[in-house]
PDB file of N, CA and C in Angstrom:
ATOM      1  N   MET A   1     -12.435  30.914  10.791  1.00  0.00           N
ATOM      2  CA  MET A   1     -12.191  29.536  11.157  1.00  0.00           C
ATOM      3  C   MET A   1     -10.858  29.457  11.894  1.00  0.00           C
ATOM      4  N   PHE A   2     -10.831  28.733  12.967  1.00  0.00           N
ATOM      5  CA  PHE A   2      -9.622  28.612  13.764  1.00  0.00           C
ATOM      6  C   PHE A   2      -8.678  27.575  13.169  1.00  0.00           C
ATOM      7  N   ASN A   3      -7.391  27.726  13.495  1.00  0.00           N
ATOM      8  CA  ASN A   3      -6.373  26.825  12.951  1.00  0.00           C
ATOM      9  C   ASN A   3      -6.660  25.357  13.259  1.00  0.00           C
ATOM     10  N   ASN A   4      -7.147  25.073  14.476  1.00  0.00           N
ATOM     11  CA  ASN A   4      -7.430  23.677  14.833  1.00  0.00           C
ATOM     12  C   ASN A   4      -8.523  23.094  13.947  1.00  0.00           C
ATOM     13  N   GLU A   5      -9.525  23.901  13.615  1.00  0.00           N
ATOM     14  CA  GLU A   5     -10.601  23.431  12.742  1.00  0.00           C
ATOM     15  C   GLU A   5     -10.068  23.152  11.341  1.00  0.00           C
ATOM     16  N   ILE A   6      -9.240  24.045  10.856  1.00  0.00           N
ATOM     17  CA  ILE A   6      -8.659  23.859   9.522  1.00  0.00           C
ATOM     18  C   ILE A   6      -7.786  22.613   9.500  1.00  0.00           C
ATOM     19  N   LEU A   7      -6.989  22.416  10.546  1.00  0.00           N
ATOM     20  CA  LEU A   7      -6.131  21.230  10.601  1.00  0.00           C
ATOM     21  C   LEU A   7      -6.959  19.949  10.594  1.00  0.00           C
ATOM     22  N   THR A   8      -8.085  19.957  11.281  1.00  0.00           N
ATOM     23  CA  THR A   8      -8.975  18.788  11.281  1.00  0.00           C
ATOM     24  C   THR A   8      -9.513  18.533   9.884  1.00  0.00           C
ATOM     25  N   LEU A   9      -9.938  19.598   9.203  1.00  0.00           N
ATOM     26  CA  LEU A   9     -10.443  19.449   7.830  1.00  0.00           C
ATOM     27  C   LEU A   9      -9.345  18.967   6.888  1.00  0.00           C
ATOM     28  N   ILE A  10      -8.135  19.447   7.085  1.00  0.00           N
ATOM     29  CA  ILE A  10      -6.996  19.015   6.259  1.00  0.00           C
ATOM     30  C   ILE A  10      -6.756  17.526   6.429  1.00  0.00           C
ATOM     31  N   GLU A  11      -6.766  17.054   7.650  1.00  0.00           N
ATOM     32  CA  GLU A  11      -6.530  15.628   7.898  1.00  0.00           C
ATOM     33  C   GLU A  11      -7.635  14.767   7.285  1.00  0.00           C
ATOM     34  N   LYS A  12      -8.877  15.216   7.385  1.00  0.00           N
ATOM     35  CA  LYS A  12      -9.993  14.471   6.787  1.00  0.00           C
ATOM     36  C   LYS A  12      -9.868  14.441   5.265  1.00  0.00           C
ATOM     37  N   LYS A  13      -9.508  15.583   4.683  1.00  0.00           N
ATOM     38  CA  LYS A  13      -9.378  15.658   3.225  1.00  0.00           C
ATOM     39  C   LYS A  13      -8.198  14.827   2.758  1.00  0.00           C
ATOM     40  N   ARG A  14      -7.115  14.804   3.523  1.00  0.00           N
ATOM     41  CA  ARG A  14      -5.942  13.992   3.174  1.00  0.00           C
ATOM     42  C   ARG A  14      -6.303  12.510   3.179  1.00  0.00           C
ATOM     43  N   THR A  15      -7.058  12.088   4.182  1.00  0.00           N
ATOM     44  CA  THR A  15      -7.508  10.696   4.264  1.00  0.00           C
ATOM     45  C   THR A  15      -8.415  10.366   3.087  1.00  0.00           C
ATOM     46  N   GLU A  16      -9.313  11.298   2.762  1.00  0.00           N
ATOM     47  CA  GLU A  16     -10.204  11.098   1.615  1.00  0.00           C
ATOM     48  C   GLU A  16      -9.400  10.954   0.334  1.00  0.00           C
ATOM     49  N   LEU A  17      -8.388  11.781   0.161  1.00  0.00           N
ATOM     50  CA  LEU A  17      -7.561  11.723  -1.045  1.00  0.00           C
ATOM     51  C   LEU A  17      -6.851  10.372  -1.149  1.00  0.00           C
ATOM     52  N   ILE A  18      -6.323   9.890  -0.061  1.00  0.00           N
ATOM     53  CA  ILE A  18      -5.643   8.590  -0.067  1.00  0.00           C
ATOM     54  C   ILE A  18      -6.605   7.485  -0.500  1.00  0.00           C
ATOM     55  N   GLU A  19      -7.824   7.524   0.032  1.00  0.00           N
ATOM     56  CA  GLU A  19      -8.830   6.512  -0.321  1.00  0.00           C
ATOM     57  C   GLU A  19      -9.243   6.619  -1.788  1.00  0.00           C
ATOM     58  N   VAL A  20      -9.434   7.840  -2.260  1.00  0.00           N
ATOM     59  CA  VAL A  20      -9.842   8.051  -3.654  1.00  0.00           C
ATOM     60  C   VAL A  20      -8.755   7.581  -4.608  1.00  0.00           C
ATOM     61  N   VAL A  21      -7.511   7.892  -4.293  1.00  0.00           N
ATOM     62  CA  VAL A  21      -6.394   7.478  -5.150  1.00  0.00           C
ATOM     63  C   VAL A  21      -6.276   5.954  -5.176  1.00  0.00           C
ATOM     64  N   ALA A  22      -6.446   5.318  -4.022  1.00  0.00           N
ATOM     65  CA  ALA A  22      -6.367   3.856  -3.966  1.00  0.00           C
ATOM     66  C   ALA A  22      -7.461   3.214  -4.807  1.00  0.00           C
ATOM     67  N   LYS A  23      -8.622   3.844  -4.826  1.00  0.00           N
ATOM     68  CA  LYS A  23      -9.761   3.268  -5.547  1.00  0.00           C
ATOM     69  C   LYS A  23      -9.776   3.632  -7.032  1.00  0.00           C
ATOM     70  N   ASN A  24      -9.440   4.888  -7.347  1.00  0.00           N
ATOM     71  CA  ASN A  24      -9.627   5.394  -8.712  1.00  0.00           C
ATOM     72  C   ASN A  24      -8.352   5.731  -9.466  1.00  0.00           C
ATOM     73  N   GLY A  25      -7.228   5.753  -8.776  1.00  0.00           N
ATOM     74  CA  GLY A  25      -5.969   6.091  -9.428  1.00  0.00           C
ATOM     75  C   GLY A  25      -5.614   7.560  -9.233  1.00  0.00           C
ATOM     76  N   LEU A  26      -4.338   7.833  -9.319  1.00  0.00           N
ATOM     77  CA  LEU A  26      -3.812   9.167  -9.047  1.00  0.00           C
ATOM     78  C   LEU A  26      -4.279  10.216 -10.057  1.00  0.00           C
ATOM     79  N   ASN A  27      -4.459   9.825 -11.304  1.00  0.00           N
ATOM     80  CA  ASN A  27      -4.817  10.782 -12.352  1.00  0.00           C
ATOM     81  C   ASN A  27      -6.310  10.833 -12.645  1.00  0.00           C
ATOM     82  N   SER A  28      -7.124  10.231 -11.796  1.00  0.00           N
ATOM     83  CA  SER A  28      -8.570  10.266 -12.024  1.00  0.00           C
ATOM     84  C   SER A  28      -9.105  11.666 -11.750  1.00  0.00           C
ATOM     85  N   ALA A  29     -10.224  11.985 -12.366  1.00  0.00           N
ATOM     86  CA  ALA A  29     -10.841  13.303 -12.190  1.00  0.00           C
ATOM     87  C   ALA A  29     -11.206  13.552 -10.734  1.00  0.00           C
ATOM     88  N   VAL A  30     -11.708  12.535 -10.064  1.00  0.00           N
ATOM     89  CA  VAL A  30     -12.107  12.704  -8.666  1.00  0.00           C
ATOM     90  C   VAL A  30     -10.886  12.931  -7.775  1.00  0.00           C
ATOM     91  N   ALA A  31      -9.787  12.250  -8.045  1.00  0.00           N
ATOM     92  CA  ALA A  31      -8.561  12.446  -7.260  1.00  0.00           C
ATOM     93  C   ALA A  31      -8.020  13.855  -7.454  1.00  0.00           C
ATOM     94  N   ILE A  32      -8.082  14.344  -8.665  1.00  0.00           N
ATOM     95  CA  ILE A  32      -7.614  15.704  -8.945  1.00  0.00           C
ATOM     96  C   ILE A  32      -8.487  16.719  -8.224  1.00  0.00           C
ATOM     97  N   GLN A  33      -9.790  16.506  -8.206  1.00  0.00           N
ATOM     98  CA  GLN A  33     -10.709  17.417  -7.524  1.00  0.00           C
ATOM     99  C   GLN A  33     -10.443  17.432  -6.009  1.00  0.00           C
ATOM    100  N   VAL A  34     -10.296  16.270  -5.422  1.00  0.00           N
ATOM    101  CA  VAL A  34     -10.042  16.192  -3.979  1.00  0.00           C
ATOM    102  C   VAL A  34      -8.676  16.817  -3.663  1.00  0.00           C
ATOM    103  N   SER A  35      -7.710  16.618  -4.530  1.00  0.00           N
ATOM    104  CA  SER A  35      -6.393  17.215  -4.343  1.00  0.00           C
ATOM    105  C   SER A  35      -6.485  18.740  -4.359  1.00  0.00           C
ATOM    106  N   ARG A  36      -7.288  19.280  -5.258  1.00  0.00           N
ATOM    107  CA  ARG A  36      -7.485  20.738  -5.313  1.00  0.00           C
ATOM    108  C   ARG A  36      -8.157  21.247  -4.043  1.00  0.00           C
ATOM    109  N   GLU A  37      -9.103  20.483  -3.528  1.00  0.00           N
ATOM    110  CA  GLU A  37      -9.774  20.876  -2.283  1.00  0.00           C
ATOM    111  C   GLU A  37      -8.777  20.875  -1.122  1.00  0.00           C
ATOM    112  N   LEU A  38      -7.906  19.878  -1.096  1.00  0.00           N
ATOM    113  CA  LEU A  38      -6.866  19.819  -0.073  1.00  0.00           C
ATOM    114  C   LEU A  38      -5.917  21.008  -0.214  1.00  0.00           C
ATOM    115  N   ASP A  39      -5.525  21.325  -1.428  1.00  0.00           N
ATOM    116  CA  ASP A  39      -4.658  22.483  -1.669  1.00  0.00           C
ATOM    117  C   ASP A  39      -5.302  23.767  -1.146  1.00  0.00           C
ATOM    118  N   SER A  40      -6.582  23.908  -1.384  1.00  0.00           N
ATOM    119  CA  SER A  40      -7.305  25.088  -0.923  1.00  0.00           C
ATOM    120  C   SER A  40      -7.281  25.201   0.597  1.00  0.00           C
ATOM    121  N   LEU A  41      -7.504  24.094   1.278  1.00  0.00           N
ATOM    122  CA  LEU A  41      -7.456  24.090   2.738  1.00  0.00           C
ATOM    123  C   LEU A  41      -6.049  24.415   3.247  1.00  0.00           C
ATOM    124  N   LEU A  42      -5.044  23.857   2.598  1.00  0.00           N
ATOM    125  CA  LEU A  42      -3.665  24.137   2.995  1.00  0.00           C
ATOM    126  C   LEU A  42      -3.322  25.609   2.793  1.00  0.00           C
ATOM    127  N   ASN A  43      -3.781  26.181   1.690  1.00  0.00           N
ATOM    128  CA  ASN A  43      -3.552  27.607   1.438  1.00  0.00           C
ATOM    129  C   ASN A  43      -4.244  28.466   2.491  1.00  0.00           C
ATOM    130  N   MET A  44      -5.459  28.095   2.855  1.00  0.00           N
ATOM    131  CA  MET A  44      -6.200  28.820   3.879  1.00  0.00           C
ATOM    132  C   MET A  44      -5.438  28.785   5.210  1.00  0.00           C
ATOM    133  N   TYR A  45      -4.947  27.620   5.559  1.00  0.00           N
ATOM    134  CA  TYR A  45      -4.190  27.462   6.798  1.00  0.00           C
ATOM    135  C   TYR A  45      -2.928  28.329   6.781  1.00  0.00           C
ATOM    136  N   ASN A  46      -2.208  28.280   5.671  1.00  0.00           N
ATOM    137  CA  ASN A  46      -0.963  29.059   5.568  1.00  0.00           C
ATOM    138  C   ASN A  46      -1.228  30.556   5.631  1.00  0.00           C
ATOM    139  N   LYS A  47      -2.305  31.019   5.018  1.00  0.00           N
ATOM    140  CA  LYS A  47      -2.653  32.441   5.073  1.00  0.00           C
ATOM    141  C   LYS A  47      -2.935  32.867   6.507  1.00  0.00           C
ATOM    142  N   GLN A  48      -3.660  32.034   7.239  1.00  0.00           N
ATOM    143  CA  GLN A  48      -3.943  32.369   8.639  1.00  0.00           C
ATOM    144  C   GLN A  48      -2.668  32.395   9.470  1.00  0.00           C
ATOM    145  N   LYS A  49      -1.791  31.448   9.234  1.00  0.00           N
ATOM    146  CA  LYS A  49      -0.526  31.405   9.974  1.00  0.00           C
ATOM    147  C   LYS A  49       0.308  32.662   9.685  1.00  0.00           C
ATOM    148  N   ASN A  50       0.329  33.078   8.425  1.00  0.00           N
ATOM    149  CA  ASN A  50       1.088  34.270   8.060  1.00  0.00           C
ATOM    150  C   ASN A  50       0.478  35.525   8.682  1.00  0.00           C
ATOM    151  N   LYS A  51      -0.837  35.595   8.760  1.00  0.00           N
ATOM    152  CA  LYS A  51      -1.485  36.743   9.385  1.00  0.00           C
ATOM    153  C   LYS A  51      -1.133  36.814  10.866  1.00  0.00           C
ATOM    154  N   GLN A  52      -1.099  35.646  11.510  1.00  0.00           N
ATOM    155  CA  GLN A  52      -0.762  35.615  12.930  1.00  0.00           C
ATOM    156  C   GLN A  52       0.671  36.064  13.173  1.00  0.00           C
ATOM    157  N   LYS A  53       1.561  35.691  12.278  1.00  0.00           N
ATOM    158  CA  LYS A  53       2.967  36.066  12.433  1.00  0.00           C
ATOM    159  C   LYS A  53       3.169  37.562  12.238  1.00  0.00           C
ATOM    160  N   SER A  54       2.420  38.150  11.297  1.00  0.00           N
ATOM    161  CA  SER A  54       2.613  39.557  10.988  1.00  0.00           C
ATOM    162  C   SER A  54       1.760  40.499  11.831  1.00  0.00           C
ATOM    163  N   ALA A  55       0.843  39.957  12.615  1.00  0.00           N
ATOM    164  CA  ALA A  55      -0.014  40.789  13.455  1.00  0.00           C
ATOM    165  C   ALA A  55       0.812  41.414  14.573  1.00  0.00           C
ATOM    166  N   PRO A  56       0.585  42.708  14.826  1.00  0.00           N
ATOM    167  CA  PRO A  56       1.334  43.350  15.913  1.00  0.00           C
ATOM    168  C   PRO A  56       0.944  42.772  17.266  1.00  0.00           C
ATOM    169  N   ARG A  57       1.927  42.633  18.110  1.00  0.00           N
ATOM    170  CA  ARG A  57       1.681  42.070  19.437  1.00  0.00           C
ATOM    171  C   ARG A  57       1.580  43.201  20.449  1.00  0.00           C
ATOM    172  N   PRO A  58       0.616  43.097  21.328  1.00  0.00           N
ATOM    173  CA  PRO A  58       0.446  44.178  22.335  1.00  0.00           C
ATOM    174  C   PRO A  58       1.533  44.195  23.377  1.00  0.00           C
TER     175      PRO A  58
END
């Protein structure tokens, strides 16, 4: 998955989290689940960024 795709998914998940928190509260089970999904996407993005930085350049 390319960085731009991940960034798009991150923004969508962030928007979803904001809506879920507004509707159900910060400590609701659904908010915690969406937050974990957002964390996973952020971790994926950071791993890709780190791989790009450490990759040898021709």
